[in-house]
Amino acid sequence: MRYVTLTNRSQGQFTGAVAQRLVPGGDAVRIQKAVEQQGLFIAGVLALVVVLQYQLVDVIAHGD
């Protein structure tokens, strides 16, 4: 899980660096922050989906 978070964070920093070249002023920082938060959110959703999927498989396998 940590790996996904780190990957998303570095992706956010990369996107922020690109945005700084394209967007003048403080907008680049806002874009970078948004991408980082969105990345963390997506990582959380993926983790939740994986956990729910395993629980569902467990329920189907054992009929409980």
N, C-alpha and C. Protein backbone atom coordinates (compact mmCIF):
# COMPACT_ATOMS: atom_id res chain seq x y z
N MET A 1 0.84 -1.20 0.00
CA MET A 1 0.00 0.00 0.00
C MET A 1 0.87 1.24 0.00
N ARG A 2 1.92 1.18 0.81
CA ARG A 2 2.86 2.30 0.89
C ARG A 2 3.46 2.59 -0.48
N TYR A 3 3.74 1.52 -1.21
CA TYR A 3 4.35 1.66 -2.54
C TYR A 3 3.45 2.46 -3.48
N VAL A 4 2.15 2.15 -3.45
CA VAL A 4 1.19 2.86 -4.30
C VAL A 4 1.17 4.34 -3.94
N THR A 5 1.16 4.62 -2.61
CA THR A 5 1.14 6.01 -2.14
C THR A 5 2.37 6.76 -2.63
N LEU A 6 3.53 6.13 -2.48
CA LEU A 6 4.78 6.77 -2.90
C LEU A 6 4.78 7.03 -4.41
N THR A 7 4.28 6.05 -5.15
CA THR A 7 4.23 6.19 -6.61
C THR A 7 3.34 7.37 -6.99
N ASN A 8 2.18 7.45 -6.35
CA ASN A 8 1.26 8.54 -6.65
C ASN A 8 1.85 9.89 -6.25
N ARG A 9 2.56 9.92 -5.12
CA ARG A 9 3.14 11.17 -4.66
C ARG A 9 4.20 11.65 -5.64
N SER A 10 5.07 10.74 -6.11
CA SER A 10 6.12 11.14 -7.05
C SER A 10 5.50 11.55 -8.38
N GLN A 11 4.41 10.90 -8.74
CA GLN A 11 3.70 11.28 -9.96
C GLN A 11 3.14 12.69 -9.81
N GLY A 12 2.63 13.00 -8.61
CA GLY A 12 2.11 14.33 -8.33
C GLY A 12 3.20 15.39 -8.44
N GLN A 13 4.39 15.06 -7.94
CA GLN A 13 5.51 16.00 -8.00
C GLN A 13 5.94 16.21 -9.44
N PHE A 14 5.94 15.15 -10.21
CA PHE A 14 6.29 15.24 -11.62
C PHE A 14 5.29 16.12 -12.36
N THR A 15 4.00 15.87 -12.12
CA THR A 15 2.94 16.66 -12.75
C THR A 15 3.07 18.12 -12.33
N GLY A 16 3.40 18.34 -11.05
CA GLY A 16 3.59 19.69 -10.54
C GLY A 16 4.72 20.40 -11.26
N ALA A 17 5.80 19.67 -11.53
CA ALA A 17 6.96 20.24 -12.21
C ALA A 17 6.60 20.62 -13.65
N VAL A 18 5.82 19.76 -14.29
CA VAL A 18 5.36 20.04 -15.65
C VAL A 18 4.43 21.26 -15.64
N ALA A 19 3.52 21.29 -14.66
CA ALA A 19 2.56 22.39 -14.55
C ALA A 19 3.27 23.72 -14.32
N GLN A 20 4.38 23.68 -13.57
CA GLN A 20 5.12 24.92 -13.30
C GLN A 20 5.66 25.51 -14.59
N ARG A 21 6.02 24.65 -15.53
CA ARG A 21 6.53 25.13 -16.82
C ARG A 21 5.38 25.75 -17.63
N LEU A 22 4.19 25.15 -17.49
CA LEU A 22 3.07 25.56 -18.33
C LEU A 22 2.25 26.69 -17.72
N VAL A 23 2.09 26.65 -16.38
CA VAL A 23 1.20 27.59 -15.71
C VAL A 23 2.02 28.58 -14.89
N PRO A 24 1.92 29.86 -15.20
CA PRO A 24 2.68 30.84 -14.45
C PRO A 24 2.07 31.09 -13.06
N GLY A 25 2.90 31.49 -12.10
CA GLY A 25 2.40 31.90 -10.79
C GLY A 25 2.11 30.74 -9.87
N GLY A 26 1.19 30.97 -8.91
CA GLY A 26 0.92 30.00 -7.85
C GLY A 26 -0.02 28.89 -8.27
N ASP A 27 -0.53 28.94 -9.50
CA ASP A 27 -1.46 27.90 -9.95
C ASP A 27 -0.79 26.53 -10.00
N ALA A 28 0.49 26.51 -10.32
CA ALA A 28 1.22 25.24 -10.42
C ALA A 28 1.22 24.51 -9.08
N VAL A 29 1.39 25.24 -8.00
CA VAL A 29 1.40 24.64 -6.67
C VAL A 29 0.03 24.06 -6.34
N ARG A 30 -1.01 24.79 -6.70
CA ARG A 30 -2.38 24.30 -6.46
C ARG A 30 -2.64 23.03 -7.26
N ILE A 31 -2.19 23.01 -8.51
CA ILE A 31 -2.38 21.82 -9.35
C ILE A 31 -1.64 20.63 -8.75
N GLN A 32 -0.40 20.88 -8.29
CA GLN A 32 0.40 19.80 -7.71
C GLN A 32 -0.27 19.23 -6.47
N LYS A 33 -0.78 20.11 -5.63
CA LYS A 33 -1.45 19.66 -4.39
C LYS A 33 -2.69 18.84 -4.73
N ALA A 34 -3.45 19.31 -5.71
CA ALA A 34 -4.66 18.60 -6.11
C ALA A 34 -4.33 17.21 -6.63
N VAL A 35 -3.28 17.12 -7.44
CA VAL A 35 -2.88 15.82 -8.01
C VAL A 35 -2.43 14.89 -6.90
N GLU A 36 -1.67 15.42 -5.92
CA GLU A 36 -1.19 14.60 -4.80
C GLU A 36 -2.38 14.07 -4.00
N GLN A 37 -3.31 14.94 -3.68
CA GLN A 37 -4.48 14.52 -2.88
C GLN A 37 -5.31 13.51 -3.65
N GLN A 38 -5.49 13.77 -4.94
CA GLN A 38 -6.26 12.86 -5.77
C GLN A 38 -5.56 11.51 -5.85
N GLY A 39 -4.24 11.54 -5.97
CA GLY A 39 -3.45 10.30 -6.01
C GLY A 39 -3.63 9.49 -4.74
N LEU A 40 -3.58 10.18 -3.59
CA LEU A 40 -3.75 9.49 -2.31
C LEU A 40 -5.16 8.94 -2.20
N PHE A 41 -6.13 9.71 -2.68
CA PHE A 41 -7.53 9.27 -2.65
C PHE A 41 -7.70 8.01 -3.50
N ILE A 42 -7.13 8.04 -4.70
CA ILE A 42 -7.23 6.88 -5.61
C ILE A 42 -6.56 5.66 -4.97
N ALA A 43 -5.41 5.87 -4.33
CA ALA A 43 -4.71 4.76 -3.66
C ALA A 43 -5.59 4.16 -2.56
N GLY A 44 -6.28 5.03 -1.82
CA GLY A 44 -7.19 4.57 -0.77
C GLY A 44 -8.35 3.77 -1.32
N VAL A 45 -8.92 4.26 -2.42
CA VAL A 45 -10.05 3.56 -3.05
C VAL A 45 -9.61 2.19 -3.56
N LEU A 46 -8.42 2.14 -4.17
CA LEU A 46 -7.91 0.86 -4.69
C LEU A 46 -7.70 -0.13 -3.55
N ALA A 47 -7.18 0.35 -2.43
CA ALA A 47 -6.95 -0.52 -1.28
C ALA A 47 -8.29 -1.08 -0.77
N LEU A 48 -9.28 -0.21 -0.72
CA LEU A 48 -10.61 -0.61 -0.26
C LEU A 48 -11.21 -1.67 -1.19
N VAL A 49 -11.08 -1.45 -2.48
CA VAL A 49 -11.61 -2.40 -3.47
C VAL A 49 -10.94 -3.77 -3.31
N VAL A 50 -9.62 -3.76 -3.12
CA VAL A 50 -8.89 -5.03 -2.96
C VAL A 50 -9.37 -5.76 -1.71
N VAL A 51 -9.51 -5.03 -0.60
CA VAL A 51 -9.96 -5.63 0.66
C VAL A 51 -11.36 -6.21 0.50
N LEU A 52 -12.27 -5.44 -0.09
CA LEU A 52 -13.64 -5.91 -0.28
C LEU A 52 -13.70 -7.13 -1.19
N GLN A 53 -12.86 -7.13 -2.20
CA GLN A 53 -12.82 -8.24 -3.15
C GLN A 53 -12.41 -9.53 -2.42
N TYR A 54 -11.39 -9.43 -1.58
CA TYR A 54 -10.93 -10.61 -0.84
C TYR A 54 -12.02 -11.11 0.13
N GLN A 55 -12.70 -10.18 0.78
CA GLN A 55 -13.77 -10.57 1.71
C GLN A 55 -14.89 -11.27 0.95
N LEU A 56 -15.21 -10.76 -0.21
CA LEU A 56 -16.28 -11.34 -1.03
C LEU A 56 -15.92 -12.76 -1.46
N VAL A 57 -14.69 -12.95 -1.90
CA VAL A 57 -14.22 -14.28 -2.31
C VAL A 57 -14.30 -15.23 -1.13
N ASP A 58 -13.92 -14.75 0.05
CA ASP A 58 -13.96 -15.56 1.28
C ASP A 58 -15.39 -16.00 1.58
N VAL A 59 -16.32 -15.06 1.46
CA VAL A 59 -17.74 -15.36 1.73
C VAL A 59 -18.27 -16.40 0.74
N ILE A 60 -17.94 -16.23 -0.53
CA ILE A 60 -18.42 -17.16 -1.56
C ILE A 60 -17.82 -18.55 -1.33
N ALA A 61 -16.54 -18.61 -0.97
CA ALA A 61 -15.84 -19.89 -0.79
C ALA A 61 -16.41 -20.68 0.39
N HIS A 62 -16.73 -19.96 1.48
CA HIS A 62 -17.15 -20.65 2.70
C HIS A 62 -18.66 -20.61 2.93
N GLY A 63 -19.35 -19.82 2.11
CA GLY A 63 -20.80 -19.72 2.24
C GLY A 63 -21.25 -19.08 3.54
N ASP A 64 -20.38 -18.30 4.14
CA ASP A 64 -20.69 -17.69 5.44
C ASP A 64 -21.10 -16.24 5.26
